[in-house]
Amino acid sequence: MHIVAVKFLRAFWELHPDAEQPLKSWIHEAKKATWARPAQIKEQYRSASILKNQRVVFNIKGNDYRLVVSVAYQFQAVYVKFIGTHKAYGTIDAETVGMED
């Protein structure tokens, strides 16, 4: 998978250094993945939540942080839509949020 907007993840771990290694691990695993459907993501990440609009929520560093992405399966691309604390996640609509929000 190609990950779009890794710079947002980098900026986040600069503010939250404890998220750096978990995010780098997720990036490494996602780049190697060839997900063709949501079920394949659930097989690899049991705690991931599959939402509408091709959205997926990943728990990062246990459940300290949440990562929301949009997956374009046909293009093998993952678009970062949100990265934040569990508390910040509670204030957004994961099905519509974008990094520009």
N, C-alpha and C. Protein backbone atom coordinates (compact mmCIF):
# COMPACT_ATOMS: atom_id res chain seq x y z
N MET A 1 0.84 -1.17 0.00
CA MET A 1 0.00 0.00 0.00
C MET A 1 0.89 1.24 0.00
N HIS A 2 0.45 2.22 -0.72
CA HIS A 2 1.11 3.52 -0.72
C HIS A 2 0.41 4.38 0.34
N ILE A 3 1.17 5.01 1.21
CA ILE A 3 0.58 5.82 2.28
C ILE A 3 0.72 7.29 1.91
N VAL A 4 -0.41 7.97 1.82
CA VAL A 4 -0.44 9.39 1.48
C VAL A 4 -0.55 10.20 2.78
N ALA A 5 0.31 11.19 2.91
CA ALA A 5 0.31 12.13 4.05
C ALA A 5 1.04 11.58 5.27
N VAL A 6 2.12 10.86 5.05
CA VAL A 6 2.95 10.39 6.16
C VAL A 6 3.48 11.58 6.95
N LYS A 7 3.61 12.73 6.30
CA LYS A 7 4.14 13.92 6.99
C LYS A 7 3.28 14.28 8.21
N PHE A 8 1.97 14.01 8.16
CA PHE A 8 1.12 14.29 9.30
C PHE A 8 1.44 13.35 10.46
N LEU A 9 1.78 12.12 10.14
CA LEU A 9 2.17 11.17 11.18
C LEU A 9 3.49 11.60 11.81
N ARG A 10 4.43 12.02 10.98
CA ARG A 10 5.72 12.49 11.47
C ARG A 10 5.55 13.69 12.40
N ALA A 11 4.73 14.64 11.97
CA ALA A 11 4.48 15.83 12.78
C ALA A 11 3.84 15.44 14.12
N PHE A 12 2.97 14.44 14.09
CA PHE A 12 2.31 14.00 15.31
C PHE A 12 3.31 13.38 16.28
N TRP A 13 4.19 12.50 15.79
CA TRP A 13 5.13 11.86 16.72
C TRP A 13 6.19 12.83 17.21
N GLU A 14 6.39 13.92 16.52
CA GLU A 14 7.30 14.95 17.05
C GLU A 14 6.68 15.60 18.29
N LEU A 15 5.36 15.72 18.31
CA LEU A 15 4.66 16.27 19.48
C LEU A 15 4.39 15.21 20.54
N HIS A 16 4.30 13.95 20.12
CA HIS A 16 4.01 12.82 21.01
C HIS A 16 5.06 11.74 20.76
N PRO A 17 6.27 11.92 21.31
CA PRO A 17 7.37 10.97 21.02
C PRO A 17 7.06 9.51 21.33
N ASP A 18 6.16 9.25 22.27
CA ASP A 18 5.83 7.86 22.59
C ASP A 18 5.03 7.18 21.47
N ALA A 19 4.54 7.97 20.52
CA ALA A 19 3.81 7.40 19.38
C ALA A 19 4.73 7.08 18.20
N GLU A 20 5.98 7.53 18.25
CA GLU A 20 6.87 7.37 17.10
C GLU A 20 7.06 5.92 16.69
N GLN A 21 7.49 5.08 17.60
CA GLN A 21 7.76 3.68 17.24
C GLN A 21 6.50 2.94 16.81
N PRO A 22 5.39 3.09 17.54
CA PRO A 22 4.16 2.41 17.08
C PRO A 22 3.72 2.89 15.69
N LEU A 23 3.85 4.18 15.41
CA LEU A 23 3.46 4.68 14.09
C LEU A 23 4.42 4.19 13.01
N LYS A 24 5.71 4.17 13.31
CA LYS A 24 6.67 3.66 12.34
C LYS A 24 6.40 2.19 12.04
N SER A 25 6.03 1.43 13.06
CA SER A 25 5.70 0.01 12.86
C SER A 25 4.47 -0.12 11.97
N TRP A 26 3.44 0.70 12.24
CA TRP A 26 2.23 0.65 11.41
C TRP A 26 2.57 1.02 9.96
N ILE A 27 3.37 2.06 9.76
CA ILE A 27 3.77 2.47 8.41
C ILE A 27 4.47 1.32 7.70
N HIS A 28 5.41 0.71 8.37
CA HIS A 28 6.17 -0.41 7.78
C HIS A 28 5.23 -1.55 7.38
N GLU A 29 4.32 -1.91 8.27
CA GLU A 29 3.39 -3.01 7.98
C GLU A 29 2.42 -2.65 6.87
N ALA A 30 1.91 -1.41 6.89
CA ALA A 30 0.94 -0.99 5.87
C ALA A 30 1.60 -0.91 4.49
N LYS A 31 2.84 -0.47 4.43
CA LYS A 31 3.52 -0.40 3.13
C LYS A 31 3.71 -1.79 2.51
N LYS A 32 3.88 -2.79 3.35
CA LYS A 32 4.06 -4.15 2.84
C LYS A 32 2.74 -4.83 2.50
N ALA A 33 1.64 -4.29 3.02
CA ALA A 33 0.32 -4.91 2.83
C ALA A 33 -0.19 -4.73 1.40
N THR A 34 -1.07 -5.63 1.01
CA THR A 34 -1.77 -5.53 -0.29
C THR A 34 -3.25 -5.79 -0.05
N TRP A 35 -3.84 -4.98 0.81
CA TRP A 35 -5.24 -5.17 1.17
C TRP A 35 -6.14 -4.96 -0.04
N ALA A 36 -7.03 -5.89 -0.26
CA ALA A 36 -8.00 -5.80 -1.35
C ALA A 36 -9.42 -5.61 -0.84
N ARG A 37 -9.61 -5.83 0.46
CA ARG A 37 -10.94 -5.67 1.06
C ARG A 37 -10.77 -5.49 2.57
N PRO A 38 -11.78 -4.91 3.23
CA PRO A 38 -11.69 -4.64 4.67
C PRO A 38 -11.39 -5.87 5.52
N ALA A 39 -11.92 -7.02 5.14
CA ALA A 39 -11.69 -8.23 5.94
C ALA A 39 -10.20 -8.55 6.09
N GLN A 40 -9.41 -8.21 5.09
CA GLN A 40 -7.97 -8.47 5.18
C GLN A 40 -7.31 -7.58 6.22
N ILE A 41 -7.82 -6.36 6.36
CA ILE A 41 -7.29 -5.48 7.40
C ILE A 41 -7.64 -6.05 8.77
N LYS A 42 -8.89 -6.51 8.93
CA LYS A 42 -9.31 -7.10 10.21
C LYS A 42 -8.51 -8.35 10.55
N GLU A 43 -8.12 -9.11 9.55
CA GLU A 43 -7.29 -10.30 9.80
C GLU A 43 -5.94 -9.89 10.39
N GLN A 44 -5.38 -8.79 9.90
CA GLN A 44 -4.07 -8.34 10.34
C GLN A 44 -4.16 -7.52 11.63
N TYR A 45 -5.22 -6.73 11.76
CA TYR A 45 -5.41 -5.84 12.92
C TYR A 45 -6.79 -6.11 13.52
N ARG A 46 -6.85 -7.02 14.46
CA ARG A 46 -8.13 -7.41 15.04
C ARG A 46 -8.86 -6.24 15.70
N SER A 47 -8.11 -5.27 16.24
CA SER A 47 -8.75 -4.16 16.93
C SER A 47 -9.14 -3.01 15.99
N ALA A 48 -8.82 -3.12 14.71
CA ALA A 48 -9.20 -2.07 13.76
C ALA A 48 -10.71 -2.03 13.61
N SER A 49 -11.23 -0.82 13.42
CA SER A 49 -12.67 -0.65 13.20
C SER A 49 -12.90 -0.27 11.75
N ILE A 50 -13.74 -1.02 11.09
CA ILE A 50 -14.08 -0.74 9.69
C ILE A 50 -15.33 0.13 9.69
N LEU A 51 -15.24 1.29 9.06
CA LEU A 51 -16.36 2.24 9.01
C LEU A 51 -16.86 2.39 7.58
N LYS A 52 -17.88 3.24 7.42
CA LYS A 52 -18.37 3.58 6.09
C LYS A 52 -17.34 4.43 5.37
N ASN A 53 -17.57 4.70 4.09
CA ASN A 53 -16.70 5.57 3.29
C ASN A 53 -15.27 5.07 3.19
N GLN A 54 -15.10 3.75 3.21
CA GLN A 54 -13.77 3.14 3.08
C GLN A 54 -12.84 3.54 4.23
N ARG A 55 -13.39 3.96 5.34
CA ARG A 55 -12.59 4.40 6.48
C ARG A 55 -12.26 3.24 7.40
N VAL A 56 -11.06 3.33 7.99
CA VAL A 56 -10.61 2.35 8.97
C VAL A 56 -9.97 3.11 10.12
N VAL A 57 -10.26 2.68 11.35
CA VAL A 57 -9.66 3.28 12.54
C VAL A 57 -8.72 2.25 13.15
N PHE A 58 -7.47 2.67 13.36
CA PHE A 58 -6.46 1.81 13.98
C PHE A 58 -6.14 2.36 15.37
N ASN A 59 -5.99 1.45 16.33
CA ASN A 59 -5.51 1.83 17.65
C ASN A 59 -3.99 1.83 17.59
N ILE A 60 -3.40 2.93 18.04
CA ILE A 60 -1.95 3.07 18.04
C ILE A 60 -1.47 3.15 19.48
N LYS A 61 -0.41 2.43 19.78
CA LYS A 61 0.15 2.36 21.14
C LYS A 61 -0.93 1.93 22.12
N GLY A 62 -1.39 0.73 21.90
CA GLY A 62 -2.51 0.22 22.69
C GLY A 62 -3.75 0.94 22.21
N ASN A 63 -4.28 1.77 23.05
CA ASN A 63 -5.43 2.57 22.66
C ASN A 63 -5.20 4.03 23.00
N ASP A 64 -3.92 4.42 23.15
CA ASP A 64 -3.61 5.81 23.51
C ASP A 64 -3.92 6.77 22.37
N TYR A 65 -3.70 6.32 21.14
CA TYR A 65 -3.90 7.16 19.97
C TYR A 65 -4.77 6.45 18.96
N ARG A 66 -5.42 7.24 18.12
CA ARG A 66 -6.26 6.69 17.06
C ARG A 66 -5.81 7.24 15.72
N LEU A 67 -5.75 6.38 14.74
CA LEU A 67 -5.39 6.73 13.38
C LEU A 67 -6.57 6.38 12.48
N VAL A 68 -7.08 7.40 11.77
CA VAL A 68 -8.18 7.19 10.83
C VAL A 68 -7.61 7.33 9.43
N VAL A 69 -7.87 6.33 8.60
CA VAL A 69 -7.41 6.37 7.21
C VAL A 69 -8.57 6.05 6.29
N SER A 70 -8.40 6.46 5.05
CA SER A 70 -9.31 6.07 3.98
C SER A 70 -8.52 5.15 3.07
N VAL A 71 -9.09 4.02 2.72
CA VAL A 71 -8.36 3.04 1.92
C VAL A 71 -8.97 2.97 0.52
N ALA A 72 -8.13 3.19 -0.48
CA ALA A 72 -8.53 3.04 -1.89
C ALA A 72 -7.96 1.70 -2.34
N TYR A 73 -8.73 0.66 -2.12
CA TYR A 73 -8.25 -0.70 -2.39
C TYR A 73 -7.79 -0.88 -3.84
N GLN A 74 -8.55 -0.36 -4.79
CA GLN A 74 -8.22 -0.55 -6.20
C GLN A 74 -6.91 0.13 -6.59
N PHE A 75 -6.53 1.20 -5.86
CA PHE A 75 -5.29 1.91 -6.16
C PHE A 75 -4.16 1.54 -5.19
N GLN A 76 -4.48 0.66 -4.23
CA GLN A 76 -3.51 0.25 -3.22
C GLN A 76 -2.93 1.47 -2.50
N ALA A 77 -3.83 2.34 -2.05
CA ALA A 77 -3.41 3.56 -1.37
C ALA A 77 -4.19 3.75 -0.07
N VAL A 78 -3.48 4.29 0.91
CA VAL A 78 -4.06 4.61 2.21
C VAL A 78 -3.85 6.11 2.43
N TYR A 79 -4.92 6.82 2.71
CA TYR A 79 -4.87 8.26 2.93
C TYR A 79 -5.08 8.56 4.41
N VAL A 80 -4.10 9.19 5.03
CA VAL A 80 -4.22 9.55 6.44
C VAL A 80 -5.25 10.67 6.56
N LYS A 81 -6.26 10.45 7.41
CA LYS A 81 -7.33 11.43 7.60
C LYS A 81 -7.30 12.08 8.97
N PHE A 82 -6.77 11.35 9.97
CA PHE A 82 -6.73 11.87 11.34
C PHE A 82 -5.75 11.04 12.14
N ILE A 83 -4.98 11.72 12.99
CA ILE A 83 -4.17 11.06 14.01
C ILE A 83 -4.30 11.92 15.25
N GLY A 84 -4.64 11.28 16.36
CA GLY A 84 -4.81 12.06 17.58
C GLY A 84 -4.96 11.18 18.79
N THR A 85 -5.08 11.84 19.92
CA THR A 85 -5.29 11.12 21.17
C THR A 85 -6.68 10.49 21.17
N HIS A 86 -6.85 9.57 22.06
CA HIS A 86 -8.16 8.93 22.20
C HIS A 86 -9.21 9.99 22.51
N LYS A 87 -8.86 10.96 23.35
CA LYS A 87 -9.78 12.04 23.71
C LYS A 87 -10.14 12.89 22.49
N ALA A 88 -9.15 13.26 21.68
CA ALA A 88 -9.40 14.07 20.48
C ALA A 88 -10.26 13.29 19.49
N TYR A 89 -10.06 11.98 19.42
CA TYR A 89 -10.85 11.15 18.52
C TYR A 89 -12.33 11.25 18.87
N GLY A 90 -12.63 11.39 20.14
CA GLY A 90 -14.01 11.49 20.59
C GLY A 90 -14.72 12.75 20.12
N THR A 91 -13.97 13.70 19.59
CA THR A 91 -14.57 14.98 19.16
C THR A 91 -14.77 15.06 17.64
N ILE A 92 -14.40 14.01 16.91
CA ILE A 92 -14.48 14.07 15.44
C ILE A 92 -15.46 13.04 14.91
N ASP A 93 -15.84 13.21 13.66
CA ASP A 93 -16.64 12.20 12.95
C ASP A 93 -15.65 11.45 12.06
N ALA A 94 -15.32 10.24 12.45
CA ALA A 94 -14.30 9.46 11.75
C ALA A 94 -14.68 9.15 10.31
N GLU A 95 -15.96 9.21 9.99
CA GLU A 95 -16.39 8.90 8.62
C GLU A 95 -16.23 10.08 7.67
N THR A 96 -16.00 11.28 8.21
CA THR A 96 -15.88 12.45 7.34
C THR A 96 -14.64 13.30 7.59
N VAL A 97 -13.95 13.08 8.69
CA VAL A 97 -12.81 13.92 9.04
C VAL A 97 -11.71 13.84 7.98
N GLY A 98 -11.00 14.96 7.82
CA GLY A 98 -9.84 15.01 6.93
C GLY A 98 -8.75 15.82 7.61
N MET A 99 -7.52 15.62 7.21
CA MET A 99 -6.40 16.32 7.84
C MET A 99 -6.53 17.84 7.70
N GLU A 100 -7.26 18.29 6.69
CA GLU A 100 -7.42 19.72 6.51
C GLU A 100 -8.46 20.31 7.46
N ASP A 101 -9.22 19.45 8.17
CA ASP A 101 -10.26 19.93 9.10
C ASP A 101 -9.65 20.55 10.34
